[in-house]
């Protein structure tokens, strides 16, 4: 669809940038909508990419960003709550519903909403609850929207592998619990390809997809894999989850805490694709595994 124009909210983030690159490479016109517009990382400037100022807390700016487009992607992500005006509920729940309402008013054909595996309205984590409430708001406002729940994202210069590289510098590497939480890391470019396929009308009857990579691993196995790639030998030590939660409370007062309550809660539950939901297979995509892509993400020994 060379004439298709798509607005990507949060188009300068880790996943948003990958989505913008994928859509532009697929011949779509892309409108990058953020509070501080700039060309996303690793995206070559072209006439097919437009930058606009938008804030998902403001209806008018959303409407302006959607004007004249045929589809939209909400890839806005918030992982800490920096102020009373930027909370998980305001961004992931209220903001998601606001984008969906404006997309419906604008008569858009497609809306793709990025959520996450494990979204649960009954969770003890405010982040996980907000993700679930956002999904509900999107469904109510734009029933034909497609909701994507990626597992842990990885790729070059990501936060997930970056944190493990940082831990590898310690004399001992701490594990969340016994390191038995199962994760199904998914490459950021594979999720971006999924978004492009959906906007092309592939699998039109699928409204919820959980996206995980080709391999499922215990957290301990991922740590060991990264250490081996880095050529490091480090002992692993099990830290009980209550101790992690206590540490998160201790550092919560810092402007940019290295650990939060919600991060700990996310690591308590497996993040793997569940039954009875759509997946990469519905889009004709064979995702890569962390093991396969690790050399490209950490190109050193």
Protein backbone atom coordinates (compact mmCIF):
# COMPACT_ATOMS: atom_id res chain seq x y z
CA UNK A 1 0.00 0.00 0.00
CA UNK A 2 2.36 2.73 -1.23
CA UNK A 3 -0.23 5.45 -0.59
CA UNK A 4 -0.98 4.39 3.00
CA UNK A 5 -0.17 7.00 5.64
CA UNK A 6 0.35 5.80 9.21
CA UNK A 7 0.79 7.81 12.40
CA UNK A 8 3.15 6.22 14.92
CA UNK A 9 2.70 7.59 18.43
CA UNK A 10 5.90 7.08 20.38
CA UNK A 11 7.81 6.70 17.13
CA UNK A 12 11.18 7.65 18.64
CA UNK A 13 11.27 4.95 21.32
CA UNK A 14 13.05 1.60 21.03
CA UNK A 15 10.10 -0.23 19.47
CA UNK A 16 8.60 2.88 17.87
CA UNK A 17 11.80 3.58 15.94
CA UNK A 18 11.86 0.03 14.60
CA UNK A 19 8.23 0.34 13.52
CA UNK A 20 8.93 3.61 11.70
CA UNK A 21 11.89 2.04 9.87
CA UNK A 22 9.86 -1.01 8.88
CA UNK A 23 6.88 0.98 7.62
CA UNK A 24 9.05 3.41 5.66
CA UNK A 25 10.99 0.53 4.09
CA UNK A 26 7.66 -1.05 3.12
CA UNK A 27 6.73 2.05 1.12
CA UNK A 28 4.30 3.61 3.57
CA UNK A 29 4.21 7.28 4.48
CA UNK A 30 4.90 7.62 8.19
CA UNK A 31 3.98 10.42 10.57
CA UNK A 32 6.10 10.28 13.73
CA UNK A 33 4.03 11.76 16.57
CA UNK A 34 5.80 12.58 19.84
CA UNK A 35 6.02 15.40 22.36
CA UNK A 36 9.53 16.20 21.15
CA UNK A 37 9.59 15.38 17.43
CA UNK A 38 12.86 14.17 15.99
CA UNK A 39 13.98 11.64 13.42
CA UNK A 40 14.01 8.20 15.09
CA UNK A 41 17.29 6.38 15.64
CA UNK A 42 18.71 4.65 12.55
CA UNK A 43 15.99 6.13 10.30
CA UNK A 44 17.11 7.88 7.15
CA UNK A 45 15.38 11.19 6.49
CA UNK A 46 13.04 11.12 3.50
CA UNK A 47 9.94 12.78 2.10
CA UNK A 48 7.97 9.74 3.31
CA UNK A 49 8.61 10.59 6.98
CA UNK A 50 6.89 13.52 8.68
CA UNK A 51 7.44 14.76 12.23
CA UNK A 52 4.56 16.19 14.26
CA UNK A 53 4.14 17.27 17.86
CA UNK A 54 1.59 15.20 19.78
CA UNK A 55 0.81 14.31 23.37
CA UNK A 56 -1.50 11.37 24.07
CA UNK A 57 -2.79 13.30 27.08
CA UNK A 58 -4.29 15.92 24.73
CA UNK A 59 -7.21 15.22 22.37
CA UNK A 60 -6.53 18.09 19.98
CA UNK A 61 -2.90 17.15 19.36
CA UNK A 62 -3.92 13.53 18.78
CA UNK A 63 -6.60 14.59 16.30
CA UNK A 64 -4.08 16.77 14.47
CA UNK A 65 -1.58 13.90 14.27
CA UNK A 66 -4.25 11.59 12.82
CA UNK A 67 -5.64 14.03 10.27
CA UNK A 68 -5.44 12.60 6.76
CA UNK A 69 -4.06 9.23 7.80
CA UNK A 70 -5.39 5.72 7.20
CA UNK A 71 -3.88 3.95 10.19
CA UNK A 72 -2.20 4.50 13.53
CA UNK A 73 0.11 2.67 15.90
CA UNK A 74 0.27 3.49 19.61
CA UNK A 75 3.77 2.51 20.72
CA UNK A 76 4.01 4.94 23.62
CA UNK A 77 5.69 3.30 26.58
CA UNK A 78 6.27 4.43 30.16
CA UNK A 79 8.32 2.29 32.54
CA UNK A 80 8.63 4.66 35.50
CA UNK A 81 6.33 7.38 36.80
CA UNK A 82 8.41 10.58 36.72
CA UNK A 83 5.64 12.95 37.85
CA UNK A 84 1.99 13.21 38.84
CA UNK A 85 1.15 14.09 35.23
CA UNK A 86 2.97 11.06 33.84
CA UNK A 87 1.69 7.94 35.52
CA UNK A 88 1.00 4.47 34.18
CA UNK A 89 -2.73 5.10 34.36
CA UNK A 90 -2.53 8.45 32.55
CA UNK A 91 -0.33 7.10 29.73
CA UNK A 92 -1.16 3.41 29.35
CA UNK A 93 -4.85 3.48 30.26
CA UNK A 94 -6.28 6.97 29.70
CA UNK A 95 -3.89 7.82 26.87
CA UNK A 96 -4.52 4.54 25.05
CA UNK A 97 -8.28 5.03 25.20
CA UNK A 98 -7.92 8.65 24.06
CA UNK A 99 -5.91 7.63 20.98
CA UNK A 100 -8.49 4.95 20.16
CA UNK A 101 -11.41 7.39 20.45
CA UNK A 102 -9.73 9.93 18.20
CA UNK A 103 -8.81 7.22 15.70
CA UNK A 104 -12.45 6.19 15.52
CA UNK A 105 -13.57 9.82 15.07
CA UNK A 106 -11.02 10.26 12.29
CA UNK A 107 -12.42 7.23 10.49
CA UNK A 108 -9.15 5.32 10.46
CA UNK A 109 -9.12 1.90 8.88
CA UNK A 110 -6.46 0.45 11.18
CA UNK A 111 -5.33 0.91 14.77
CA UNK A 112 -2.55 -1.17 16.30
CA UNK A 113 -2.10 -0.87 20.06
CA UNK A 114 1.11 -2.09 21.72
CA UNK A 115 0.54 -3.67 25.11
CA UNK A 116 2.55 -6.48 26.71
CA UNK A 117 2.36 -10.15 27.64
CA UNK A 118 0.96 -10.53 31.14
CA UNK A 119 -1.41 -7.56 31.09
CA UNK A 120 -3.77 -8.23 34.01
CA UNK A 121 -6.37 -5.91 35.53
CA UNK A 122 -6.04 -7.76 38.88
CA UNK A 123 -2.27 -7.52 39.16
CA UNK A 124 -0.59 -6.06 42.24
CA UNK A 125 1.58 -4.03 39.83
CA UNK A 126 0.19 -0.64 38.79
CA UNK A 127 2.09 -0.94 35.48
CA UNK A 128 0.56 -4.32 34.62
CA UNK A 129 -2.92 -3.15 35.65
CA UNK A 130 -2.63 -0.02 33.52
CA UNK A 131 -1.66 -2.11 30.48
CA UNK A 132 -4.81 -4.21 30.94
CA UNK A 133 -7.03 -1.16 31.46
CA UNK A 134 -5.55 0.37 28.32
CA UNK A 135 -6.46 -2.72 26.30
CA UNK A 136 -10.02 -2.54 27.60
CA UNK A 137 -10.31 1.14 26.72
CA UNK A 138 -9.00 0.51 23.20
CA UNK A 139 -11.44 -2.35 22.60
CA UNK A 140 -14.38 -0.23 23.75
CA UNK A 141 -13.44 2.81 21.66
CA UNK A 142 -12.16 1.04 18.52
CA UNK A 143 -13.50 -2.55 18.42
CA UNK A 144 -11.56 -3.48 15.26
CA UNK A 145 -8.21 -2.42 16.76
CA UNK A 146 -5.47 -5.04 16.89
CA UNK A 147 -3.73 -5.40 20.23
CA UNK A 148 -0.16 -6.72 20.26
CA UNK A 149 1.39 -8.13 23.42
CA UNK A 150 5.13 -8.53 22.84
CA UNK A 151 7.24 -10.47 25.28
CA UNK A 152 10.54 -9.00 26.48
CA UNK A 153 11.96 -6.96 23.61
CA UNK A 154 15.59 -7.26 22.61
CA UNK A 155 17.82 -5.89 19.89
CA UNK A 156 20.97 -3.78 19.46
CA UNK A 157 21.31 -1.16 22.22
CA UNK A 158 18.24 -2.38 24.09
CA UNK A 159 17.50 -2.02 27.80
CA UNK A 160 17.12 -5.76 28.49
CA UNK A 161 20.50 -7.00 27.23
CA UNK A 162 22.09 -3.71 28.26
CA UNK A 163 21.14 -4.38 31.89
CA UNK A 164 22.67 -7.86 31.72
CA UNK A 165 25.89 -6.44 30.25
CA UNK A 166 26.02 -4.04 33.19
CA UNK A 167 25.49 -6.88 35.67
CA UNK A 168 28.30 -8.84 34.03
CA UNK A 169 30.72 -6.23 35.42
CA UNK A 170 29.85 -7.22 38.98
CA UNK A 171 31.91 -9.92 40.72
CA UNK A 172 28.67 -11.81 41.37
CA UNK A 173 25.53 -11.68 39.20
CA UNK A 174 22.26 -11.59 41.19
CA UNK A 175 19.21 -13.48 39.95
CA UNK A 176 15.54 -12.71 40.45
CA UNK A 177 14.58 -15.54 42.78
CA UNK A 178 16.21 -18.72 41.56
CA UNK A 179 16.21 -17.44 38.00
CA UNK A 180 13.43 -19.83 36.99
CA UNK A 181 11.05 -17.27 35.46
CA UNK A 182 10.53 -18.23 31.82
CA UNK A 183 10.93 -15.55 29.16
CA UNK A 184 10.38 -15.68 25.42
CA UNK A 185 12.43 -12.68 24.22
CA UNK A 186 11.33 -11.26 20.89
CA UNK A 187 13.49 -9.27 18.49
CA UNK A 188 12.27 -5.70 18.08
CA UNK A 189 12.41 -5.92 14.28
CA UNK A 190 10.14 -8.98 14.27
CA UNK A 191 7.50 -7.04 16.21
CA UNK A 192 7.87 -4.17 13.74
CA UNK A 193 7.31 -6.59 10.86
CA UNK A 194 4.16 -7.84 12.59
CA UNK A 195 2.83 -4.26 12.77
CA UNK A 196 3.49 -3.75 9.05
CA UNK A 197 1.72 -6.98 8.14
CA UNK A 198 -1.33 -6.01 10.18
CA UNK A 199 -1.50 -2.63 8.46
CA UNK A 200 -1.41 -4.49 5.14
CA UNK A 201 -4.57 -6.36 6.13
CA UNK A 202 -2.95 -9.72 6.90
CA UNK A 203 -5.03 -11.85 9.31
CA UNK A 204 -7.95 -9.37 9.42
CA UNK A 205 -9.98 -11.45 11.89
CA UNK A 206 -7.27 -11.61 14.57
CA UNK A 207 -7.66 -8.91 17.23
CA UNK A 208 -5.19 -10.04 19.89
CA UNK A 209 -1.72 -11.42 19.28
CA UNK A 210 1.00 -12.40 21.73
CA UNK A 211 4.43 -12.13 20.16
CA UNK A 212 7.34 -14.17 21.48
CA UNK A 213 10.60 -15.21 19.88
CA UNK A 214 11.47 -18.69 18.67
CA UNK A 215 13.04 -19.72 21.98
CA UNK A 216 11.78 -19.85 25.54
CA UNK A 217 14.36 -19.70 28.32
CA UNK A 218 14.66 -19.53 32.07
CA UNK A 219 16.05 -16.17 33.18
CA UNK A 220 19.12 -18.00 34.54
CA UNK A 221 19.76 -19.48 31.09
CA UNK A 222 19.62 -16.05 29.46
CA UNK A 223 22.12 -14.65 31.98
CA UNK A 224 24.46 -17.57 31.33
CA UNK A 225 24.09 -17.10 27.57
CA UNK A 226 25.03 -13.43 27.80
CA UNK A 227 28.00 -14.10 30.10
CA UNK A 228 29.29 -16.72 27.70
CA UNK A 229 28.94 -14.30 24.78
CA UNK A 230 30.89 -11.66 26.72
CA UNK A 231 33.57 -14.15 27.69
CA UNK A 232 32.84 -13.65 31.40
CA UNK A 233 32.75 -16.17 34.18
CA UNK A 234 30.70 -14.99 37.11
CA UNK A 235 28.99 -16.86 39.93
CA UNK A 236 25.22 -16.49 40.00
CA UNK A 237 23.46 -15.85 43.29
CA UNK A 238 19.75 -16.32 43.98
CA UNK A 239 18.07 -13.31 45.61
CA UNK A 240 14.52 -13.88 46.97
CA UNK A 241 11.83 -11.66 45.50
CA UNK A 242 10.98 -10.05 48.89
CA UNK A 243 14.60 -8.84 49.07
CA UNK A 244 14.30 -7.34 45.57
CA UNK A 245 11.07 -5.59 46.57
CA UNK A 246 12.75 -4.20 49.69
CA UNK A 247 15.63 -2.90 47.57
CA UNK A 248 13.16 -1.29 45.15
CA UNK A 249 11.54 0.56 48.07
CA UNK A 250 14.94 1.78 49.26
CA UNK A 251 15.86 3.33 45.90
CA UNK A 252 12.39 4.58 44.99
CA UNK A 253 13.27 8.12 46.11
CA UNK A 254 15.99 8.49 43.48
CA UNK A 255 15.16 10.60 40.38
CA UNK A 256 15.86 7.62 38.08
CA UNK A 257 15.79 4.54 40.31
CA UNK A 258 17.81 1.58 38.93
CA UNK A 259 15.11 -0.79 40.17
CA UNK A 260 11.36 -0.36 40.67
CA UNK A 261 8.58 -2.32 42.33
CA UNK A 262 6.94 -2.86 38.95
CA UNK A 263 10.12 -4.25 37.39
CA UNK A 264 10.37 -6.80 40.17
CA UNK A 265 6.71 -7.74 39.77
CA UNK A 266 7.21 -8.23 36.04
CA UNK A 267 9.96 -10.74 36.74
CA UNK A 268 7.79 -12.84 39.06
CA UNK A 269 5.61 -14.16 36.24
CA UNK A 270 6.53 -16.06 33.08
CA UNK A 271 6.45 -13.96 29.90
CA UNK A 272 5.66 -16.55 27.24
CA UNK A 273 2.97 -16.75 24.55
CA UNK A 274 -0.23 -18.22 25.93
CA UNK A 275 -2.85 -20.50 24.37
CA UNK A 276 -5.88 -19.39 22.37
CA UNK A 277 -4.38 -16.12 21.12
CA UNK A 278 -2.97 -15.00 17.80
CA UNK A 279 0.76 -15.23 17.20
CA UNK A 280 3.43 -14.60 14.58
CA UNK A 281 2.14 -17.67 12.74
CA UNK A 282 -1.11 -15.83 11.92
CA UNK A 283 0.97 -13.20 10.14
CA UNK A 284 3.21 -15.61 8.27
CA UNK A 285 6.27 -14.53 10.25
CA UNK A 286 8.94 -16.89 11.62
CA UNK A 287 10.47 -14.99 14.57
CA UNK A 288 14.14 -15.26 15.43
CA UNK A 289 15.43 -16.55 18.78
CA UNK A 290 17.61 -14.74 21.29
CA UNK A 291 20.26 -17.41 20.87
CA UNK A 292 20.32 -16.87 17.10
CA UNK A 293 20.44 -13.06 17.25
CA UNK A 294 22.68 -12.55 20.27
CA UNK A 295 25.91 -12.19 18.22
CA UNK A 296 24.34 -9.32 16.24
CA UNK A 297 23.07 -7.65 19.41
CA UNK A 298 26.32 -8.06 21.35
CA UNK A 299 28.97 -8.00 18.60
CA UNK A 300 31.94 -8.54 20.87
CA UNK A 301 33.45 -11.30 22.96
